[in-house]
Amino acid sequence: MRTRQRTRHPGDQKAVVRFTAMLAARRRPAPWTGCGDVAVRMGERGRPLAEQQPVTDPLALVLIYPNTETARTGTLHCARARIPSAWTEPYRLLTHALAGRDLPPDIDLTT
């Protein structure tokens, strides 16, 4: 018995590609080397303070809004062991999902 192959709507395909990239990033995280932004276990993007030494534990991180690149007020003191990887673009969807926020309007999953 043959089953018919269903074609995916282009908007659905975009969502699948983004979700697959996020899962791959979670499965094989890029190690943080002490510079650049970090993915924090709670699902947020952090940036070490400019004067921060990369070997300091805990790190003082400024949380970054993933859709605007602006810093939130205040800092988060985070143990290095709680940093799973360097920040990569696929984490953006996960960050908003974990925070219970809507996706930013600039993410277009339509055709």
PDB file of N, CA and C in Angstrom:
ATOM      1  N   MET A   1       0.837  -1.169   0.000  1.00  0.00           N
ATOM      2  CA  MET A   1       0.000   0.000   0.000  1.00  0.00           C
ATOM      3  C   MET A   1       0.889   1.242   0.000  1.00  0.00           C
ATOM      4  N   ARG A   2       0.679   2.111  -0.960  1.00  0.00           N
ATOM      5  CA  ARG A   2       1.469   3.337  -1.054  1.00  0.00           C
ATOM      6  C   ARG A   2       0.769   4.475  -0.334  1.00  0.00           C
ATOM      7  N   THR A   3       1.566   5.255   0.369  1.00  0.00           N
ATOM      8  CA  THR A   3       0.994   6.450   0.989  1.00  0.00           C
ATOM      9  C   THR A   3       1.377   7.654   0.151  1.00  0.00           C
ATOM     10  N   ARG A   4       0.502   8.593   0.097  1.00  0.00           N
ATOM     11  CA  ARG A   4       0.770   9.803  -0.662  1.00  0.00           C
ATOM     12  C   ARG A   4       1.680  10.733   0.120  1.00  0.00           C
ATOM     13  N   GLN A   5       2.696  11.250  -0.531  1.00  0.00           N
ATOM     14  CA  GLN A   5       3.607  12.209   0.088  1.00  0.00           C
ATOM     15  C   GLN A   5       2.928  13.579   0.118  1.00  0.00           C
ATOM     16  N   ARG A   6       2.789  14.165   1.289  1.00  0.00           N
ATOM     17  CA  ARG A   6       2.187  15.487   1.389  1.00  0.00           C
ATOM     18  C   ARG A   6       3.249  16.549   1.231  1.00  0.00           C
ATOM     19  N   THR A   7       2.935  17.559   0.463  1.00  0.00           N
ATOM     20  CA  THR A   7       3.874  18.673   0.326  1.00  0.00           C
ATOM     21  C   THR A   7       3.645  19.650   1.470  1.00  0.00           C
ATOM     22  N   ARG A   8       4.743  20.133   2.002  1.00  0.00           N
ATOM     23  CA  ARG A   8       4.659  21.086   3.097  1.00  0.00           C
ATOM     24  C   ARG A   8       4.471  22.492   2.550  1.00  0.00           C
ATOM     25  N   HIS A   9       3.687  23.247   3.259  1.00  0.00           N
ATOM     26  CA  HIS A   9       3.530  24.662   2.938  1.00  0.00           C
ATOM     27  C   HIS A   9       4.888  25.341   3.186  1.00  0.00           C
ATOM     28  N   PRO A  10       5.308  26.304   2.331  1.00  0.00           N
ATOM     29  CA  PRO A  10       6.612  26.956   2.532  1.00  0.00           C
ATOM     30  C   PRO A  10       6.783  27.573   3.919  1.00  0.00           C
ATOM     31  N   GLY A  11       5.719  28.116   4.483  1.00  0.00           N
ATOM     32  CA  GLY A  11       5.810  28.664   5.834  1.00  0.00           C
ATOM     33  C   GLY A  11       6.083  27.580   6.859  1.00  0.00           C
ATOM     34  N   ASP A  12       5.468  26.415   6.679  1.00  0.00           N
ATOM     35  CA  ASP A  12       5.727  25.283   7.572  1.00  0.00           C
ATOM     36  C   ASP A  12       7.173  24.831   7.441  1.00  0.00           C
ATOM     37  N   GLN A  13       7.678  24.815   6.226  1.00  0.00           N
ATOM     38  CA  GLN A  13       9.058  24.379   5.993  1.00  0.00           C
ATOM     39  C   GLN A  13      10.044  25.296   6.715  1.00  0.00           C
ATOM     40  N   LYS A  14       9.790  26.602   6.705  1.00  0.00           N
ATOM     41  CA  LYS A  14      10.667  27.544   7.414  1.00  0.00           C
ATOM     42  C   LYS A  14      10.669  27.245   8.915  1.00  0.00           C
ATOM     43  N   ALA A  15       9.498  26.973   9.452  1.00  0.00           N
ATOM     44  CA  ALA A  15       9.400  26.670  10.882  1.00  0.00           C
ATOM     45  C   ALA A  15      10.156  25.389  11.214  1.00  0.00           C
ATOM     46  N   VAL A  16      10.040  24.386  10.357  1.00  0.00           N
ATOM     47  CA  VAL A  16      10.738  23.118  10.578  1.00  0.00           C
ATOM     48  C   VAL A  16      12.249  23.328  10.530  1.00  0.00           C
ATOM     49  N   VAL A  17      12.727  24.112   9.579  1.00  0.00           N
ATOM     50  CA  VAL A  17      14.168  24.376   9.446  1.00  0.00           C
ATOM     51  C   VAL A  17      14.692  25.093  10.689  1.00  0.00           C
ATOM     52  N   ARG A  18      13.981  26.112  11.155  1.00  0.00           N
ATOM     53  CA  ARG A  18      14.424  26.851  12.350  1.00  0.00           C
ATOM     54  C   ARG A  18      14.402  25.967  13.597  1.00  0.00           C
ATOM     55  N   PHE A  19      13.354  25.167  13.732  1.00  0.00           N
ATOM     56  CA  PHE A  19      13.245  24.298  14.896  1.00  0.00           C
ATOM     57  C   PHE A  19      14.335  23.225  14.875  1.00  0.00           C
ATOM     58  N   THR A  20      14.606  22.645  13.699  1.00  0.00           N
ATOM     59  CA  THR A  20      15.658  21.645  13.569  1.00  0.00           C
ATOM     60  C   THR A  20      17.023  22.241  13.906  1.00  0.00           C
ATOM     61  N   ALA A  21      17.282  23.471  13.461  1.00  0.00           N
ATOM     62  CA  ALA A  21      18.554  24.141  13.774  1.00  0.00           C
ATOM     63  C   ALA A  21      18.691  24.365  15.271  1.00  0.00           C
ATOM     64  N   MET A  22      17.587  24.726  15.942  1.00  0.00           N
ATOM     65  CA  MET A  22      17.631  24.930  17.381  1.00  0.00           C
ATOM     66  C   MET A  22      17.927  23.629  18.108  1.00  0.00           C
ATOM     67  N   LEU A  23      17.296  22.534  17.680  1.00  0.00           N
ATOM     68  CA  LEU A  23      17.563  21.236  18.305  1.00  0.00           C
ATOM     69  C   LEU A  23      19.010  20.811  18.094  1.00  0.00           C
ATOM     70  N   ALA A  24      19.546  21.045  16.899  1.00  0.00           N
ATOM     71  CA  ALA A  24      20.948  20.693  16.618  1.00  0.00           C
ATOM     72  C   ALA A  24      21.890  21.516  17.487  1.00  0.00           C
ATOM     73  N   ALA A  25      21.595  22.796  17.673  1.00  0.00           N
ATOM     74  CA  ALA A  25      22.434  23.648  18.518  1.00  0.00           C
ATOM     75  C   ALA A  25      22.400  23.182  19.964  1.00  0.00           C
ATOM     76  N   ARG A  26      21.243  22.731  20.429  1.00  0.00           N
ATOM     77  CA  ARG A  26      21.147  22.214  21.800  1.00  0.00           C
ATOM     78  C   ARG A  26      21.883  20.885  21.954  1.00  0.00           C
ATOM     79  N   ARG A  27      21.837  20.062  20.914  1.00  0.00           N
ATOM     80  CA  ARG A  27      22.482  18.746  20.964  1.00  0.00           C
ATOM     81  C   ARG A  27      24.002  18.863  20.892  1.00  0.00           C
ATOM     82  N   ARG A  28      24.487  19.791  20.069  1.00  0.00           N
ATOM     83  CA  ARG A  28      25.921  19.968  19.887  1.00  0.00           C
ATOM     84  C   ARG A  28      26.296  21.423  20.122  1.00  0.00           C
ATOM     85  N   PRO A  29      26.275  21.863  21.375  1.00  0.00           N
ATOM     86  CA  PRO A  29      26.563  23.271  21.648  1.00  0.00           C
ATOM     87  C   PRO A  29      28.016  23.635  21.344  1.00  0.00           C
ATOM     88  N   ALA A  30      28.203  24.859  20.866  1.00  0.00           N
ATOM     89  CA  ALA A  30      29.556  25.366  20.608  1.00  0.00           C
ATOM     90  C   ALA A  30      30.135  25.835  21.934  1.00  0.00           C
ATOM     91  N   PRO A  31      31.295  25.330  22.318  1.00  0.00           N
ATOM     92  CA  PRO A  31      31.854  25.732  23.617  1.00  0.00           C
ATOM     93  C   PRO A  31      32.130  27.231  23.681  1.00  0.00           C
ATOM     94  N   TRP A  32      31.913  27.806  24.851  1.00  0.00           N
ATOM     95  CA  TRP A  32      32.219  29.221  25.037  1.00  0.00           C
ATOM     96  C   TRP A  32      33.691  29.353  25.328  1.00  0.00           C
ATOM     97  N   THR A  33      34.381  30.232  24.619  1.00  0.00           N
ATOM     98  CA  THR A  33      35.839  30.360  24.727  1.00  0.00           C
ATOM     99  C   THR A  33      36.270  31.517  25.605  1.00  0.00           C
ATOM    100  N   GLY A  34      35.324  32.193  26.255  1.00  0.00           N
ATOM    101  CA  GLY A  34      35.688  33.307  27.118  1.00  0.00           C
ATOM    102  C   GLY A  34      35.450  34.655  26.464  1.00  0.00           C
ATOM    103  N   CYS A  35      35.069  34.667  25.199  1.00  0.00           N
ATOM    104  CA  CYS A  35      34.734  35.934  24.549  1.00  0.00           C
ATOM    105  C   CYS A  35      33.459  35.752  23.741  1.00  0.00           C
ATOM    106  N   GLY A  36      32.770  36.839  23.518  1.00  0.00           N
ATOM    107  CA  GLY A  36      31.495  36.766  22.802  1.00  0.00           C
ATOM    108  C   GLY A  36      30.350  36.495  23.753  1.00  0.00           C
ATOM    109  N   ASP A  37      29.149  36.445  23.203  1.00  0.00           N
ATOM    110  CA  ASP A  37      27.944  36.229  24.001  1.00  0.00           C
ATOM    111  C   ASP A  37      27.797  34.762  24.366  1.00  0.00           C
ATOM    112  N   VAL A  38      27.069  34.512  25.446  1.00  0.00           N
ATOM    113  CA  VAL A  38      26.886  33.163  25.953  1.00  0.00           C
ATOM    114  C   VAL A  38      25.412  32.809  25.998  1.00  0.00           C
ATOM    115  N   ALA A  39      25.132  31.524  25.886  1.00  0.00           N
ATOM    116  CA  ALA A  39      23.789  31.005  26.119  1.00  0.00           C
ATOM    117  C   ALA A  39      23.750  30.590  27.578  1.00  0.00           C
ATOM    118  N   VAL A  40      22.806  31.154  28.317  1.00  0.00           N
ATOM    119  CA  VAL A  40      22.684  30.863  29.738  1.00  0.00           C
ATOM    120  C   VAL A  40      21.626  29.782  29.899  1.00  0.00           C
ATOM    121  N   ARG A  41      21.830  28.878  30.811  1.00  0.00           N
ATOM    122  CA  ARG A  41      20.957  27.715  30.961  1.00  0.00           C
ATOM    123  C   ARG A  41      19.487  28.079  31.092  1.00  0.00           C
ATOM    124  N   MET A  42      19.176  29.219  31.674  1.00  0.00           N
ATOM    125  CA  MET A  42      17.770  29.576  31.832  1.00  0.00           C
ATOM    126  C   MET A  42      17.127  30.006  30.513  1.00  0.00           C
ATOM    127  N   GLY A  43      17.869  29.921  29.421  1.00  0.00           N
ATOM    128  CA  GLY A  43      17.307  30.219  28.120  1.00  0.00           C
ATOM    129  C   GLY A  43      17.462  31.657  27.686  1.00  0.00           C
ATOM    130  N   GLU A  44      18.446  32.340  28.206  1.00  0.00           N
ATOM    131  CA  GLU A  44      18.672  33.730  27.852  1.00  0.00           C
ATOM    132  C   GLU A  44      20.055  33.912  27.248  1.00  0.00           C
ATOM    133  N   ARG A  45      20.216  35.048  26.622  1.00  0.00           N
ATOM    134  CA  ARG A  45      21.497  35.428  26.043  1.00  0.00           C
ATOM    135  C   ARG A  45      22.168  36.415  26.980  1.00  0.00           C
ATOM    136  N   GLY A  46      23.433  36.174  27.291  1.00  0.00           N
ATOM    137  CA  GLY A  46      24.170  37.053  28.175  1.00  0.00           C
ATOM    138  C   GLY A  46      25.458  37.524  27.540  1.00  0.00           C
ATOM    139  N   ARG A  47      25.933  38.653  28.015  1.00  0.00           N
ATOM    140  CA  ARG A  47      27.193  39.219  27.525  1.00  0.00           C
ATOM    141  C   ARG A  47      28.004  39.615  28.751  1.00  0.00           C
ATOM    142  N   PRO A  48      29.248  39.119  28.857  1.00  0.00           N
ATOM    143  CA  PRO A  48      30.072  39.524  30.003  1.00  0.00           C
ATOM    144  C   PRO A  48      30.307  41.035  30.005  1.00  0.00           C
ATOM    145  N   LEU A  49      30.435  41.609  31.185  1.00  0.00           N
ATOM    146  CA  LEU A  49      30.763  43.029  31.283  1.00  0.00           C
ATOM    147  C   LEU A  49      32.121  43.269  30.632  1.00  0.00           C
ATOM    148  N   ALA A  50      32.319  44.457  30.100  1.00  0.00           N
ATOM    149  CA  ALA A  50      33.551  44.789  29.377  1.00  0.00           C
ATOM    150  C   ALA A  50      34.797  44.573  30.231  1.00  0.00           C
ATOM    151  N   GLU A  51      34.715  44.916  31.514  1.00  0.00           N
ATOM    152  CA  GLU A  51      35.884  44.790  32.397  1.00  0.00           C
ATOM    153  C   GLU A  51      36.040  43.387  32.995  1.00  0.00           C
ATOM    154  N   GLN A  52      35.133  42.491  32.647  1.00  0.00           N
ATOM    155  CA  GLN A  52      35.123  41.127  33.196  1.00  0.00           C
ATOM    156  C   GLN A  52      36.294  40.299  32.659  1.00  0.00           C
ATOM    157  N   GLN A  53      36.998  39.631  33.541  1.00  0.00           N
ATOM    158  CA  GLN A  53      38.031  38.681  33.126  1.00  0.00           C
ATOM    159  C   GLN A  53      37.341  37.382  32.730  1.00  0.00           C
ATOM    160  N   PRO A  54      37.706  36.782  31.570  1.00  0.00           N
ATOM    161  CA  PRO A  54      36.983  35.584  31.113  1.00  0.00           C
ATOM    162  C   PRO A  54      37.124  34.367  32.014  1.00  0.00           C
ATOM    163  N   VAL A  55      38.106  34.362  32.906  1.00  0.00           N
ATOM    164  CA  VAL A  55      38.290  33.200  33.786  1.00  0.00           C
ATOM    165  C   VAL A  55      37.577  33.366  35.126  1.00  0.00           C
ATOM    166  N   THR A  56      36.938  34.491  35.354  1.00  0.00           N
ATOM    167  CA  THR A  56      36.244  34.758  36.609  1.00  0.00           C
ATOM    168  C   THR A  56      35.065  33.797  36.785  1.00  0.00           C
ATOM    169  N   ASP A  57      34.865  33.337  37.994  1.00  0.00           N
ATOM    170  CA  ASP A  57      33.713  32.493  38.291  1.00  0.00           C
ATOM    171  C   ASP A  57      33.151  32.935  39.636  1.00  0.00           C
ATOM    172  N   PRO A  58      31.941  33.388  39.734  1.00  0.00           N
ATOM    173  CA  PRO A  58      30.942  33.511  38.672  1.00  0.00           C
ATOM    174  C   PRO A  58      31.192  34.727  37.788  1.00  0.00           C
ATOM    175  N   LEU A  59      30.594  34.698  36.609  1.00  0.00           N
ATOM    176  CA  LEU A  59      30.685  35.811  35.674  1.00  0.00           C
ATOM    177  C   LEU A  59      29.556  36.792  35.944  1.00  0.00           C
ATOM    178  N   ALA A  60      29.822  38.067  35.729  1.00  0.00           N
ATOM    179  CA  ALA A  60      28.766  39.078  35.768  1.00  0.00           C
ATOM    180  C   ALA A  60      28.311  39.274  34.334  1.00  0.00           C
ATOM    181  N   LEU A  61      27.076  38.893  34.048  1.00  0.00           N
ATOM    182  CA  LEU A  61      26.546  38.974  32.694  1.00  0.00           C
ATOM    183  C   LEU A  61      25.450  40.025  32.606  1.00  0.00           C
ATOM    184  N   VAL A  62      25.434  40.724  31.495  1.00  0.00           N
ATOM    185  CA  VAL A  62      24.312  41.600  31.171  1.00  0.00           C
ATOM    186  C   VAL A  62      23.428  40.791  30.242  1.00  0.00           C
ATOM    187  N   LEU A  63      22.145  40.678  30.561  1.00  0.00           N
ATOM    188  CA  LEU A  63      21.232  39.941  29.694  1.00  0.00           C
ATOM    189  C   LEU A  63      20.870  40.804  28.491  1.00  0.00           C
ATOM    190  N   ILE A  64      20.828  40.184  27.322  1.00  0.00           N
ATOM    191  CA  ILE A  64      20.593  40.883  26.059  1.00  0.00           C
ATOM    192  C   ILE A  64      19.238  40.466  25.510  1.00  0.00           C
ATOM    193  N   TYR A  65      18.440  41.455  25.108  1.00  0.00           N
ATOM    194  CA  TYR A  65      17.196  41.138  24.410  1.00  0.00           C
ATOM    195  C   TYR A  65      17.567  40.540  23.061  1.00  0.00           C
ATOM    196  N   PRO A  66      17.141  39.319  22.760  1.00  0.00           N
ATOM    197  CA  PRO A  66      17.581  38.669  21.531  1.00  0.00           C
ATOM    198  C   PRO A  66      17.076  39.315  20.256  1.00  0.00           C
ATOM    199  N   ASN A  67      15.987  40.060  20.331  1.00  0.00           N
ATOM    200  CA  ASN A  67      15.452  40.644  19.100  1.00  0.00           C
ATOM    201  C   ASN A  67      15.898  42.075  18.860  1.00  0.00           C
ATOM    202  N   THR A  68      16.499  42.738  19.857  1.00  0.00           N
ATOM    203  CA  THR A  68      16.912  44.131  19.651  1.00  0.00           C
ATOM    204  C   THR A  68      18.393  44.372  19.906  1.00  0.00           C
ATOM    205  N   GLU A  69      19.093  43.392  20.466  1.00  0.00           N
ATOM    206  CA  GLU A  69      20.519  43.519  20.799  1.00  0.00           C
ATOM    207  C   GLU A  69      20.785  44.549  21.903  1.00  0.00           C
ATOM    208  N   THR A  70      19.759  44.988  22.604  1.00  0.00           N
ATOM    209  CA  THR A  70      19.978  45.948  23.679  1.00  0.00           C
ATOM    210  C   THR A  70      20.063  45.213  25.009  1.00  0.00           C
ATOM    211  N   ALA A  71      20.779  45.818  25.937  1.00  0.00           N
ATOM    212  CA  ALA A  71      20.977  45.190  27.237  1.00  0.00           C
ATOM    213  C   ALA A  71      19.826  45.533  28.174  1.00  0.00           C
ATOM    214  N   ARG A  72      19.465  44.584  29.001  1.00  0.00           N
ATOM    215  CA  ARG A  72      18.515  44.840  30.081  1.00  0.00           C
ATOM    216  C   ARG A  72      19.273  45.523  31.200  1.00  0.00           C
ATOM    217  N   THR A  73      18.556  46.127  32.091  1.00  0.00           N
ATOM    218  CA  THR A  73      19.217  46.759  33.234  1.00  0.00           C
ATOM    219  C   THR A  73      19.608  45.688  34.243  1.00  0.00           C
ATOM    220  N   GLY A  74      20.653  45.947  34.962  1.00  0.00           N
ATOM    221  CA  GLY A  74      21.100  45.004  35.975  1.00  0.00           C
ATOM    222  C   GLY A  74      21.968  43.904  35.398  1.00  0.00           C
ATOM    223  N   THR A  75      22.565  43.135  36.275  1.00  0.00           N
ATOM    224  CA  THR A  75      23.435  42.036  35.850  1.00  0.00           C
ATOM    225  C   THR A  75      23.003  40.739  36.515  1.00  0.00           C
ATOM    226  N   LEU A  76      23.411  39.664  35.909  1.00  0.00           N
ATOM    227  CA  LEU A  76      23.165  38.334  36.434  1.00  0.00           C
ATOM    228  C   LEU A  76      24.519  37.735  36.767  1.00  0.00           C
ATOM    229  N   HIS A  77      24.693  37.272  37.982  1.00  0.00           N
ATOM    230  CA  HIS A  77      25.934  36.598  38.348  1.00  0.00           C
ATOM    231  C   HIS A  77      25.717  35.119  38.091  1.00  0.00           C
ATOM    232  N   CYS A  78      26.491  34.579  37.171  1.00  0.00           N
ATOM    233  CA  CYS A  78      26.254  33.231  36.670  1.00  0.00           C
ATOM    234  C   CYS A  78      27.531  32.395  36.783  1.00  0.00           C
ATOM    235  N   ALA A  79      27.404  31.226  37.389  1.00  0.00           N
ATOM    236  CA  ALA A  79      28.541  30.304  37.464  1.00  0.00           C
ATOM    237  C   ALA A  79      28.892  29.822  36.057  1.00  0.00           C
ATOM    238  N   ARG A  80      30.164  29.696  35.770  1.00  0.00           N
ATOM    239  CA  ARG A  80      30.592  29.244  34.440  1.00  0.00           C
ATOM    240  C   ARG A  80      29.988  27.885  34.095  1.00  0.00           C
ATOM    241  N   ALA A  81      29.746  27.041  35.097  1.00  0.00           N
ATOM    242  CA  ALA A  81      29.170  25.720  34.856  1.00  0.00           C
ATOM    243  C   ALA A  81      27.741  25.803  34.325  1.00  0.00           C
ATOM    244  N   ARG A  82      27.075  26.953  34.509  1.00  0.00           N
ATOM    245  CA  ARG A  82      25.705  27.125  34.030  1.00  0.00           C
ATOM    246  C   ARG A  82      25.644  27.692  32.618  1.00  0.00           C
ATOM    247  N   ILE A  83      26.800  27.854  31.978  1.00  0.00           N
ATOM    248  CA  ILE A  83      26.852  28.346  30.595  1.00  0.00           C
ATOM    249  C   ILE A  83      27.048  27.137  29.689  1.00  0.00           C
ATOM    250  N   PRO A  84      26.005  26.706  28.987  1.00  0.00           N
ATOM    251  CA  PRO A  84      26.156  25.509  28.159  1.00  0.00           C
ATOM    252  C   PRO A  84      26.917  25.747  26.866  1.00  0.00           C
ATOM    253  N   SER A  85      26.932  26.992  26.354  1.00  0.00           N
ATOM    254  CA  SER A  85      27.615  27.198  25.078  1.00  0.00           C
ATOM    255  C   SER A  85      27.706  28.671  24.740  1.00  0.00           C
ATOM    256  N   ALA A  86      28.385  28.920  23.624  1.00  0.00           N
ATOM    257  CA  ALA A  86      28.384  30.253  23.038  1.00  0.00           C
ATOM    258  C   ALA A  86      27.008  30.487  22.430  1.00  0.00           C
ATOM    259  N   TRP A  87      26.584  31.746  22.388  1.00  0.00           N
ATOM    260  CA  TRP A  87      25.279  32.082  21.811  1.00  0.00           C
ATOM    261  C   TRP A  87      25.323  31.909  20.298  1.00  0.00           C
ATOM    262  N   THR A  88      24.352  31.200  19.757  1.00  0.00           N
ATOM    263  CA  THR A  88      24.205  31.081  18.313  1.00  0.00           C
ATOM    264  C   THR A  88      22.774  31.441  17.946  1.00  0.00           C
ATOM    265  N   GLU A  89      22.562  31.837  16.725  1.00  0.00           N
ATOM    266  CA  GLU A  89      21.256  32.307  16.255  1.00  0.00           C
ATOM    267  C   GLU A  89      20.098  31.328  16.515  1.00  0.00           C
ATOM    268  N   PRO A  90      20.287  30.006  16.358  1.00  0.00           N
ATOM    269  CA  PRO A  90      19.145  29.102  16.602  1.00  0.00           C
ATOM    270  C   PRO A  90      18.571  29.167  18.013  1.00  0.00           C
ATOM    271  N   TYR A  91      19.333  29.658  18.986  1.00  0.00           N
ATOM    272  CA  TYR A  91      18.816  29.757  20.349  1.00  0.00           C
ATOM    273  C   TYR A  91      17.755  30.844  20.484  1.00  0.00           C
ATOM    274  N   ARG A  92      17.650  31.754  19.530  1.00  0.00           N
ATOM    275  CA  ARG A  92      16.707  32.870  19.623  1.00  0.00           C
ATOM    276  C   ARG A  92      15.266  32.376  19.841  1.00  0.00           C
ATOM    277  N   LEU A  93      14.833  31.373  19.083  1.00  0.00           N
ATOM    278  CA  LEU A  93      13.469  30.854  19.249  1.00  0.00           C
ATOM    279  C   LEU A  93      13.284  30.229  20.618  1.00  0.00           C
ATOM    280  N   LEU A  94      14.276  29.507  21.086  1.00  0.00           N
ATOM    281  CA  LEU A  94      14.199  28.853  22.380  1.00  0.00           C
ATOM    282  C   LEU A  94      14.096  29.881  23.500  1.00  0.00           C
ATOM    283  N   THR A  95      14.864  30.944  23.391  1.00  0.00           N
ATOM    284  CA  THR A  95      14.847  31.981  24.418  1.00  0.00           C
ATOM    285  C   THR A  95      13.445  32.534  24.605  1.00  0.00           C
ATOM    286  N   HIS A  96      12.789  32.882  23.523  1.00  0.00           N
ATOM    287  CA  HIS A  96      11.456  33.454  23.633  1.00  0.00           C
ATOM    288  C   HIS A  96      10.447  32.420  24.121  1.00  0.00           C
ATOM    289  N   ALA A  97      10.591  31.190  23.689  1.00  0.00           N
ATOM    290  CA  ALA A  97       9.653  30.146  24.105  1.00  0.00           C
ATOM    291  C   ALA A  97       9.761  29.894  25.609  1.00  0.00           C
ATOM    292  N   LEU A  98      10.983  29.793  26.117  1.00  0.00           N
ATOM    293  CA  LEU A  98      11.165  29.532  27.543  1.00  0.00           C
ATOM    294  C   LEU A  98      10.680  30.689  28.401  1.00  0.00           C
ATOM    295  N   ALA A  99      10.794  31.895  27.867  1.00  0.00           N
ATOM    296  CA  ALA A  99      10.379  33.062  28.636  1.00  0.00           C
ATOM    297  C   ALA A  99       8.878  33.287  28.538  1.00  0.00           C
ATOM    298  N   GLY A 100       8.185  32.478  27.732  1.00  0.00           N
ATOM    299  CA  GLY A 100       6.751  32.627  27.592  1.00  0.00           C
ATOM    300  C   GLY A 100       6.348  33.863  26.802  1.00  0.00           C
ATOM    301  N   ARG A 101       7.281  34.385  25.989  1.00  0.00           N
ATOM    302  CA  ARG A 101       6.988  35.573  25.197  1.00  0.00           C
ATOM    303  C   ARG A 101       6.652  35.180  23.768  1.00  0.00           C
ATOM    304  N   ASP A 102       5.919  36.050  23.100  1.00  0.00           N
ATOM    305  CA  ASP A 102       5.641  35.842  21.682  1.00  0.00           C
ATOM    306  C   ASP A 102       6.929  36.008  20.891  1.00  0.00           C
ATOM    307  N   LEU A 103       6.971  35.385  19.730  1.00  0.00           N
ATOM    308  CA  LEU A 103       8.109  35.578  18.841  1.00  0.00           C
ATOM    309  C   LEU A 103       8.126  37.029  18.368  1.00  0.00           C
ATOM    310  N   PRO A 104       9.329  37.587  18.139  1.00  0.00           N
ATOM    311  CA  PRO A 104       9.380  38.952  17.645  1.00  0.00           C
ATOM    312  C   PRO A 104       8.738  39.065  16.277  1.00  0.00           C
ATOM    313  N   PRO A 105       8.183  40.218  15.940  1.00  0.00           N
ATOM    314  CA  PRO A 105       7.471  40.368  14.665  1.00  0.00           C
ATOM    315  C   PRO A 105       8.381  40.220  13.448  1.00  0.00           C
ATOM    316  N   ASP A 106       9.700  40.386  13.606  1.00  0.00           N
ATOM    317  CA  ASP A 106      10.584  40.283  12.440  1.00  0.00           C
ATOM    318  C   ASP A 106      10.863  38.835  12.032  1.00  0.00           C
ATOM    319  N   ILE A 107      10.408  37.855  12.811  1.00  0.00           N
ATOM    320  CA  ILE A 107      10.544  36.456  12.414  1.00  0.00           C
ATOM    321  C   ILE A 107       9.311  36.084  11.612  1.00  0.00           C
ATOM    322  N   ASP A 108       9.514  35.948  10.333  1.00  0.00           N
ATOM    323  CA  ASP A 108       8.399  35.705   9.410  1.00  0.00           C
ATOM    324  C   ASP A 108       8.384  34.245   9.016  1.00  0.00           C
ATOM    325  N   LEU A 109       7.355  33.524   9.405  1.00  0.00           N
ATOM    326  CA  LEU A 109       7.232  32.114   9.049  1.00  0.00           C
ATOM    327  C   LEU A 109       6.195  31.899   7.957  1.00  0.00           C
ATOM    328  N   THR A 110       5.793  32.985   7.291  1.00  0.00           N
ATOM    329  CA  THR A 110       4.847  32.868   6.192  1.00  0.00           C
ATOM    330  C   THR A 110       5.619  32.750   4.873  1.00  0.00           C
ATOM    331  N   THR A 111       4.877  32.617   3.772  1.00  0.00           N
ATOM    332  CA  THR A 111       5.553  32.502   2.467  1.00  0.00           C
ATOM    333  C   THR A 111       6.069  33.831   2.004  1.00  0.00           C
TER     334      THR A 111
END
